[in-house]
Amino acid sequence: PGKVFSGEVYSSSGELCELSVRHKGSAEHVPRPPDAPPGRVIPGHLLYVGELFEHFGHDILELTGHLWPLLERPFDGVIGQPWRQESSAAQTILNSTIHEVMKAFGVTPDRIHVAARDAPVEAERLTVPEGAFMMGRGAMTILARCYERVARFHGNVFIPGQPRQILLSRSRWRGAARSANQSHLEALAKRMGMVSMHSQELPFAAQVSLMRGARVVAGL
């Protein structure tokens, strides 16, 4: 209650494209003002990829889930919007995870465009896909093909002593999502022949290779 979101994609006639809306529970949509000034026009055929922000889980779930059309055909670029609507927040797309995911689909940084409330843009031609991952609602089977693309591109880093049974530990995680009995879990995993790994400390490609080479992965 009391939450709103704005932005998203509108047709040339001003109609909201429902597929571009990232549903946020009971949040209310704020429509585009009818007197809103036109934005700069980006030539070519672009793919809309939703929100762009520095969050690992979002990047490998929702962002990757919007890239599946790139498996079918090339685009001249992609376009999204920063989580914080102002264009000054566009620097968050420089986050390495976004770029690493995009690289796997052949999208270079110069082909990533950002729109914001104070810096709207218009695309000469735009494809707005249905997200292959829908928070709280499930996923499409094509999402597996997206992960296979990322794995083929990034999953060839040599990991010395590559463990086959892994516990993804949170004991060195600095965020709020920590478990109170992590040391107990690590001790139990060790007795079961598992190796505790702190994947957040590894480069993105090494994380992909670690998961690709494992046979058993556990975690909270």
C-alpha atoms as a PDB file:
ATOM      1  CA  PRO A   1       0.000   0.000   0.000  1.00  0.00           C
ATOM      2  CA  GLY A   2       1.230   3.441  -0.900  1.00  0.00           C
ATOM      3  CA  LYS A   3       3.853   2.100  -3.321  1.00  0.00           C
ATOM      4  CA  VAL A   4       3.929   3.267  -6.910  1.00  0.00           C
ATOM      5  CA  PHE A   5       6.012   2.581  -9.974  1.00  0.00           C
ATOM      6  CA  SER A   6       6.333   4.425 -13.260  1.00  0.00           C
ATOM      7  CA  GLY A   7       8.211   4.355 -16.527  1.00  0.00           C
ATOM      8  CA  GLU A   8       7.884   1.156 -18.570  1.00  0.00           C
ATOM      9  CA  VAL A   9       7.127   1.144 -22.312  1.00  0.00           C
ATOM     10  CA  TYR A  10       4.465   3.061 -24.216  1.00  0.00           C
ATOM     11  CA  SER A  11       3.393   2.814 -27.856  1.00  0.00           C
ATOM     12  CA  SER A  12       3.591   5.764 -30.236  1.00  0.00           C
ATOM     13  CA  SER A  13      -0.075   6.429 -29.401  1.00  0.00           C
ATOM     14  CA  GLY A  14       0.647   6.583 -25.655  1.00  0.00           C
ATOM     15  CA  GLU A  15      -0.737   3.173 -24.679  1.00  0.00           C
ATOM     16  CA  LEU A  16       1.021   1.213 -21.939  1.00  0.00           C
ATOM     17  CA  CYS A  17       2.616  -2.065 -23.020  1.00  0.00           C
ATOM     18  CA  GLU A  18       1.550  -4.484 -20.285  1.00  0.00           C
ATOM     19  CA  LEU A  19       4.472  -6.876 -20.907  1.00  0.00           C
ATOM     20  CA  SER A  20       6.892  -4.107 -19.919  1.00  0.00           C
ATOM     21  CA  VAL A  21       5.396  -3.697 -16.433  1.00  0.00           C
ATOM     22  CA  ARG A  22       7.374  -5.290 -13.615  1.00  0.00           C
ATOM     23  CA  HIS A  23       4.557  -6.186 -11.253  1.00  0.00           C
ATOM     24  CA  LYS A  24       5.311  -5.285  -7.641  1.00  0.00           C
ATOM     25  CA  GLY A  25       2.579  -6.750  -5.511  1.00  0.00           C
ATOM     26  CA  SER A  26       0.000  -4.116  -4.680  1.00  0.00           C
ATOM     27  CA  ALA A  27       1.990  -1.255  -6.196  1.00  0.00           C
ATOM     28  CA  GLU A  28       0.000   1.223  -8.274  1.00  0.00           C
ATOM     29  CA  HIS A  29       1.075   2.241 -11.765  1.00  0.00           C
ATOM     30  CA  VAL A  30       1.615   5.931 -12.493  1.00  0.00           C
ATOM     31  CA  PRO A  31       0.703   6.611 -16.140  1.00  0.00           C
ATOM     32  CA  ARG A  32       2.813   8.661 -18.504  1.00  0.00           C
ATOM     33  CA  PRO A  33       1.670  12.314 -18.458  1.00  0.00           C
ATOM     34  CA  PRO A  34      -0.073  13.201 -21.736  1.00  0.00           C
ATOM     35  CA  ASP A  35       2.064  16.327 -22.091  1.00  0.00           C
ATOM     36  CA  ALA A  36       5.344  14.470 -21.498  1.00  0.00           C
ATOM     37  CA  PRO A  37       8.044  15.710 -23.894  1.00  0.00           C
ATOM     38  CA  PRO A  38       9.329  13.276 -26.524  1.00  0.00           C
ATOM     39  CA  GLY A  39      12.651  11.617 -25.867  1.00  0.00           C
ATOM     40  CA  ARG A  40      15.670  11.212 -28.094  1.00  0.00           C
ATOM     41  CA  VAL A  41      15.205   8.588 -30.795  1.00  0.00           C
ATOM     42  CA  ILE A  42      17.513   5.560 -30.886  1.00  0.00           C
ATOM     43  CA  PRO A  43      17.715   4.068 -34.383  1.00  0.00           C
ATOM     44  CA  GLY A  44      17.520   0.372 -35.129  1.00  0.00           C
ATOM     45  CA  HIS A  45      15.703  -2.578 -33.581  1.00  0.00           C
ATOM     46  CA  LEU A  46      16.119  -2.765 -29.785  1.00  0.00           C
ATOM     47  CA  LEU A  47      15.192  -5.393 -27.202  1.00  0.00           C
ATOM     48  CA  TYR A  48      13.580  -4.216 -23.968  1.00  0.00           C
ATOM     49  CA  VAL A  49      15.216  -5.921 -20.959  1.00  0.00           C
ATOM     50  CA  GLY A  50      13.344  -4.348 -18.042  1.00  0.00           C
ATOM     51  CA  GLU A  51      15.061  -2.881 -15.005  1.00  0.00           C
ATOM     52  CA  LEU A  52      18.832  -2.594 -14.733  1.00  0.00           C
ATOM     53  CA  PHE A  53      20.304  -2.469 -11.270  1.00  0.00           C
ATOM     54  CA  GLU A  54      23.120  -3.883  -9.193  1.00  0.00           C
ATOM     55  CA  HIS A  55      21.645  -7.012  -7.683  1.00  0.00           C
ATOM     56  CA  PHE A  56      23.127 -10.427  -8.474  1.00  0.00           C
ATOM     57  CA  GLY A  57      19.853 -12.309  -8.041  1.00  0.00           C
ATOM     58  CA  HIS A  58      17.958  -9.915 -10.314  1.00  0.00           C
ATOM     59  CA  ASP A  59      20.645 -10.084 -12.988  1.00  0.00           C
ATOM     60  CA  ILE A  60      20.734 -13.872 -13.234  1.00  0.00           C
ATOM     61  CA  LEU A  61      16.957 -14.316 -12.950  1.00  0.00           C
ATOM     62  CA  GLU A  62      14.906 -11.432 -14.335  1.00  0.00           C
ATOM     63  CA  LEU A  63      17.533  -9.811 -16.565  1.00  0.00           C
ATOM     64  CA  THR A  64      18.682 -13.115 -18.066  1.00  0.00           C
ATOM     65  CA  GLY A  65      15.040 -14.098 -18.445  1.00  0.00           C
ATOM     66  CA  HIS A  66      14.458 -11.087 -20.721  1.00  0.00           C
ATOM     67  CA  LEU A  67      17.316 -11.970 -23.074  1.00  0.00           C
ATOM     68  CA  TRP A  68      15.833 -15.101 -24.639  1.00  0.00           C
ATOM     69  CA  PRO A  69      14.877 -13.343 -27.947  1.00  0.00           C
ATOM     70  CA  LEU A  70      18.631 -12.950 -28.533  1.00  0.00           C
ATOM     71  CA  LEU A  71      18.758 -16.731 -28.901  1.00  0.00           C
ATOM     72  CA  GLU A  72      16.446 -16.412 -31.894  1.00  0.00           C
ATOM     73  CA  ARG A  73      17.733 -13.350 -33.755  1.00  0.00           C
ATOM     74  CA  PRO A  74      20.182 -10.433 -33.469  1.00  0.00           C
ATOM     75  CA  PHE A  75      19.188  -6.975 -32.267  1.00  0.00           C
ATOM     76  CA  ASP A  76      20.893  -3.628 -32.734  1.00  0.00           C
ATOM     77  CA  GLY A  77      20.972  -3.141 -28.980  1.00  0.00           C
ATOM     78  CA  VAL A  78      19.062  -3.510 -25.732  1.00  0.00           C
ATOM     79  CA  ILE A  79      17.321  -0.924 -23.607  1.00  0.00           C
ATOM     80  CA  GLY A  80      16.234  -0.895 -19.977  1.00  0.00           C
ATOM     81  CA  GLN A  81      15.667   1.479 -17.124  1.00  0.00           C
ATOM     82  CA  PRO A  82      17.526   1.936 -13.844  1.00  0.00           C
ATOM     83  CA  TRP A  83      15.850   0.769 -10.671  1.00  0.00           C
ATOM     84  CA  ARG A  84      16.026   4.311  -9.362  1.00  0.00           C
ATOM     85  CA  GLN A  85      14.293   6.181 -12.137  1.00  0.00           C
ATOM     86  CA  GLU A  86      16.566   9.218 -12.428  1.00  0.00           C
ATOM     87  CA  SER A  87      19.160   9.041 -15.183  1.00  0.00           C
ATOM     88  CA  SER A  88      21.949   9.732 -12.663  1.00  0.00           C
ATOM     89  CA  ALA A  89      21.365   6.168 -11.450  1.00  0.00           C
ATOM     90  CA  ALA A  90      22.208   4.819 -14.912  1.00  0.00           C
ATOM     91  CA  GLN A  91      25.781   4.284 -13.721  1.00  0.00           C
ATOM     92  CA  THR A  92      24.515   1.148 -11.959  1.00  0.00           C
ATOM     93  CA  ILE A  93      24.519  -0.659 -15.305  1.00  0.00           C
ATOM     94  CA  LEU A  94      28.303  -0.539 -15.144  1.00  0.00           C
ATOM     95  CA  ASN A  95      27.949  -3.270 -12.526  1.00  0.00           C
ATOM     96  CA  SER A  96      30.032  -6.206 -13.732  1.00  0.00           C
ATOM     97  CA  THR A  97      27.262  -8.806 -13.458  1.00  0.00           C
ATOM     98  CA  ILE A  98      25.067  -6.993 -15.989  1.00  0.00           C
ATOM     99  CA  HIS A  99      27.938  -6.728 -18.437  1.00  0.00           C
ATOM    100  CA  GLU A 100      29.031 -10.333 -17.937  1.00  0.00           C
ATOM    101  CA  VAL A 101      25.517 -11.620 -18.596  1.00  0.00           C
ATOM    102  CA  MET A 102      25.142  -9.391 -21.652  1.00  0.00           C
ATOM    103  CA  LYS A 103      28.487 -10.496 -23.084  1.00  0.00           C
ATOM    104  CA  ALA A 104      27.290 -14.087 -23.172  1.00  0.00           C
ATOM    105  CA  PHE A 105      24.557 -12.963 -25.570  1.00  0.00           C
ATOM    106  CA  GLY A 106      26.878 -10.869 -27.720  1.00  0.00           C
ATOM    107  CA  VAL A 107      25.782  -7.487 -26.320  1.00  0.00           C
ATOM    108  CA  THR A 108      28.661  -5.066 -25.800  1.00  0.00           C
ATOM    109  CA  PRO A 109      28.440  -2.093 -23.377  1.00  0.00           C
ATOM    110  CA  ASP A 110      28.044   0.414 -26.206  1.00  0.00           C
ATOM    111  CA  ARG A 111      24.818  -1.339 -27.252  1.00  0.00           C
ATOM    112  CA  ILE A 112      23.176  -1.046 -23.816  1.00  0.00           C
ATOM    113  CA  HIS A 113      20.824   1.945 -23.674  1.00  0.00           C
ATOM    114  CA  VAL A 114      19.170   3.396 -20.583  1.00  0.00           C
ATOM    115  CA  ALA A 115      15.908   5.305 -20.261  1.00  0.00           C
ATOM    116  CA  ALA A 116      14.751   7.138 -17.143  1.00  0.00           C
ATOM    117  CA  ARG A 117      11.963   9.432 -15.985  1.00  0.00           C
ATOM    118  CA  ASP A 118      14.095  12.513 -16.528  1.00  0.00           C
ATOM    119  CA  ALA A 119      15.702  11.182 -19.726  1.00  0.00           C
ATOM    120  CA  PRO A 120      13.078   9.303 -21.783  1.00  0.00           C
ATOM    121  CA  VAL A 121      13.995   7.767 -25.109  1.00  0.00           C
ATOM    122  CA  GLU A 122      12.135   6.485 -28.137  1.00  0.00           C
ATOM    123  CA  ALA A 123      13.117   3.400 -30.114  1.00  0.00           C
ATOM    124  CA  GLU A 124      12.740   3.273 -33.877  1.00  0.00           C
ATOM    125  CA  ARG A 125      11.636  -0.333 -33.424  1.00  0.00           C
ATOM    126  CA  LEU A 126      11.243  -2.187 -30.135  1.00  0.00           C
ATOM    127  CA  THR A 127      10.557  -5.773 -29.079  1.00  0.00           C
ATOM    128  CA  VAL A 128       9.094  -6.221 -25.588  1.00  0.00           C
ATOM    129  CA  PRO A 129       9.344  -9.904 -24.609  1.00  0.00           C
ATOM    130  CA  GLU A 130       7.487 -11.802 -21.952  1.00  0.00           C
ATOM    131  CA  GLY A 131       9.952 -12.401 -19.133  1.00  0.00           C
ATOM    132  CA  ALA A 132      11.077 -16.034 -18.977  1.00  0.00           C
ATOM    133  CA  PHE A 133      11.331 -15.672 -15.181  1.00  0.00           C
ATOM    134  CA  MET A 134       8.368 -14.205 -13.300  1.00  0.00           C
ATOM    135  CA  MET A 135       8.926 -13.443  -9.621  1.00  0.00           C
ATOM    136  CA  GLY A 136       6.587 -15.565  -7.542  1.00  0.00           C
ATOM    137  CA  ARG A 137       4.923 -17.046 -10.624  1.00  0.00           C
ATOM    138  CA  GLY A 138       7.423 -19.446 -12.188  1.00  0.00           C
ATOM    139  CA  ALA A 139       9.619 -19.676 -15.270  1.00  0.00           C
ATOM    140  CA  MET A 140       9.459 -20.584 -18.950  1.00  0.00           C
ATOM    141  CA  THR A 141      11.393 -23.571 -20.276  1.00  0.00           C
ATOM    142  CA  ILE A 142      13.426 -21.316 -22.580  1.00  0.00           C
ATOM    143  CA  LEU A 143      15.152 -19.915 -19.478  1.00  0.00           C
ATOM    144  CA  ALA A 144      17.203 -23.121 -19.382  1.00  0.00           C
ATOM    145  CA  ARG A 145      18.562 -22.291 -22.846  1.00  0.00           C
ATOM    146  CA  CYS A 146      19.574 -18.855 -21.589  1.00  0.00           C
ATOM    147  CA  TYR A 147      21.569 -20.430 -18.765  1.00  0.00           C
ATOM    148  CA  GLU A 148      23.156 -22.875 -21.206  1.00  0.00           C
ATOM    149  CA  ARG A 149      24.322 -19.891 -23.276  1.00  0.00           C
ATOM    150  CA  VAL A 150      25.875 -18.251 -20.203  1.00  0.00           C
ATOM    151  CA  ALA A 151      27.501 -21.542 -19.165  1.00  0.00           C
ATOM    152  CA  ARG A 152      29.053 -22.112 -22.599  1.00  0.00           C
ATOM    153  CA  PHE A 153      30.420 -18.577 -22.735  1.00  0.00           C
ATOM    154  CA  HIS A 154      31.728 -18.244 -19.164  1.00  0.00           C
ATOM    155  CA  GLY A 155      32.034 -21.770 -17.834  1.00  0.00           C
ATOM    156  CA  ASN A 156      35.549 -22.636 -18.978  1.00  0.00           C
ATOM    157  CA  VAL A 157      37.628 -21.153 -16.169  1.00  0.00           C
ATOM    158  CA  PHE A 158      40.004 -23.619 -14.535  1.00  0.00           C
ATOM    159  CA  ILE A 159      39.236 -24.013 -10.829  1.00  0.00           C
ATOM    160  CA  PRO A 160      42.190 -25.636  -8.990  1.00  0.00           C
ATOM    161  CA  GLY A 161      40.935 -28.643  -7.082  1.00  0.00           C
ATOM    162  CA  GLN A 162      37.428 -28.219  -8.503  1.00  0.00           C
ATOM    163  CA  PRO A 163      35.115 -29.608  -5.799  1.00  0.00           C
ATOM    164  CA  ARG A 164      32.298 -31.886  -6.934  1.00  0.00           C
ATOM    165  CA  GLN A 165      30.180 -31.430  -3.812  1.00  0.00           C
ATOM    166  CA  ILE A 166      29.668 -27.834  -2.695  1.00  0.00           C
ATOM    167  CA  LEU A 167      28.058 -25.961   0.164  1.00  0.00           C
ATOM    168  CA  LEU A 168      27.426 -22.327  -0.743  1.00  0.00           C
ATOM    169  CA  SER A 169      28.411 -20.758   2.561  1.00  0.00           C
ATOM    170  CA  ARG A 170      27.138 -17.448   3.925  1.00  0.00           C
ATOM    171  CA  SER A 171      29.587 -17.263   6.816  1.00  0.00           C
ATOM    172  CA  ARG A 172      31.540 -14.450   5.105  1.00  0.00           C
ATOM    173  CA  TRP A 173      28.470 -12.787   3.610  1.00  0.00           C
ATOM    174  CA  ARG A 174      28.138  -9.189   4.775  1.00  0.00           C
ATOM    175  CA  GLY A 175      24.506  -8.717   3.810  1.00  0.00           C
ATOM    176  CA  ALA A 176      21.403  -9.293   5.897  1.00  0.00           C
ATOM    177  CA  ALA A 177      20.641 -12.764   4.485  1.00  0.00           C
ATOM    178  CA  ARG A 178      22.807 -14.770   6.891  1.00  0.00           C
ATOM    179  CA  SER A 179      21.912 -17.940   8.778  1.00  0.00           C
ATOM    180  CA  ALA A 180      22.538 -18.133  12.531  1.00  0.00           C
ATOM    181  CA  ASN A 181      23.850 -21.717  12.424  1.00  0.00           C
ATOM    182  CA  GLN A 182      26.216 -21.390   9.456  1.00  0.00           C
ATOM    183  CA  SER A 183      29.225 -22.834  11.334  1.00  0.00           C
ATOM    184  CA  HIS A 184      27.182 -25.905  12.232  1.00  0.00           C
ATOM    185  CA  LEU A 185      26.135 -26.333   8.599  1.00  0.00           C
ATOM    186  CA  GLU A 186      29.742 -26.074   7.412  1.00  0.00           C
ATOM    187  CA  ALA A 187      30.884 -28.688   9.928  1.00  0.00           C
ATOM    188  CA  LEU A 188      28.071 -31.020   8.894  1.00  0.00           C
ATOM    189  CA  ALA A 189      28.838 -30.502   5.195  1.00  0.00           C
ATOM    190  CA  LYS A 190      32.525 -31.262   5.791  1.00  0.00           C
ATOM    191  CA  ARG A 191      31.634 -34.576   7.449  1.00  0.00           C
ATOM    192  CA  MET A 192      29.589 -35.393   4.347  1.00  0.00           C
ATOM    193  CA  GLY A 193      32.561 -34.723   2.077  1.00  0.00           C
ATOM    194  CA  MET A 194      31.391 -31.317   0.884  1.00  0.00           C
ATOM    195  CA  VAL A 195      33.537 -28.214   0.418  1.00  0.00           C
ATOM    196  CA  SER A 196      32.311 -24.838   1.694  1.00  0.00           C
ATOM    197  CA  MET A 197      32.661 -22.174  -0.990  1.00  0.00           C
ATOM    198  CA  HIS A 198      32.214 -18.404  -0.802  1.00  0.00           C
ATOM    199  CA  SER A 199      31.078 -17.809  -4.367  1.00  0.00           C
ATOM    200  CA  GLN A 200      30.513 -14.063  -3.903  1.00  0.00           C
ATOM    201  CA  GLU A 201      34.291 -13.644  -3.647  1.00  0.00           C
ATOM    202  CA  LEU A 202      34.885 -15.148  -7.104  1.00  0.00           C
ATOM    203  CA  PRO A 203      34.724 -13.408 -10.482  1.00  0.00           C
ATOM    204  CA  PHE A 204      31.527 -14.076 -12.399  1.00  0.00           C
ATOM    205  CA  ALA A 205      33.093 -16.504 -14.885  1.00  0.00           C
ATOM    206  CA  ALA A 206      34.677 -18.479 -12.040  1.00  0.00           C
ATOM    207  CA  GLN A 207      31.297 -18.731 -10.317  1.00  0.00           C
ATOM    208  CA  VAL A 208      29.747 -20.146 -13.492  1.00  0.00           C
ATOM    209  CA  SER A 209      32.609 -22.642 -13.890  1.00  0.00           C
ATOM    210  CA  LEU A 210      32.336 -23.675 -10.233  1.00  0.00           C
ATOM    211  CA  MET A 211      28.645 -24.480 -10.599  1.00  0.00           C
ATOM    212  CA  ARG A 212      29.135 -26.132 -13.984  1.00  0.00           C
ATOM    213  CA  GLY A 213      31.758 -28.506 -12.589  1.00  0.00           C
ATOM    214  CA  ALA A 214      29.845 -29.464  -9.428  1.00  0.00           C
ATOM    215  CA  ARG A 215      27.652 -32.534  -9.116  1.00  0.00           C
ATOM    216  CA  VAL A 216      26.021 -31.635  -5.796  1.00  0.00           C
ATOM    217  CA  VAL A 217      25.280 -28.083  -4.611  1.00  0.00           C
ATOM    218  CA  ALA A 218      23.674 -27.203  -1.275  1.00  0.00           C
ATOM    219  CA  GLY A 219      22.912 -23.921   0.443  1.00  0.00           C
ATOM    220  CA  LEU A 220      20.321 -21.742   2.133  1.00  0.00           C
END
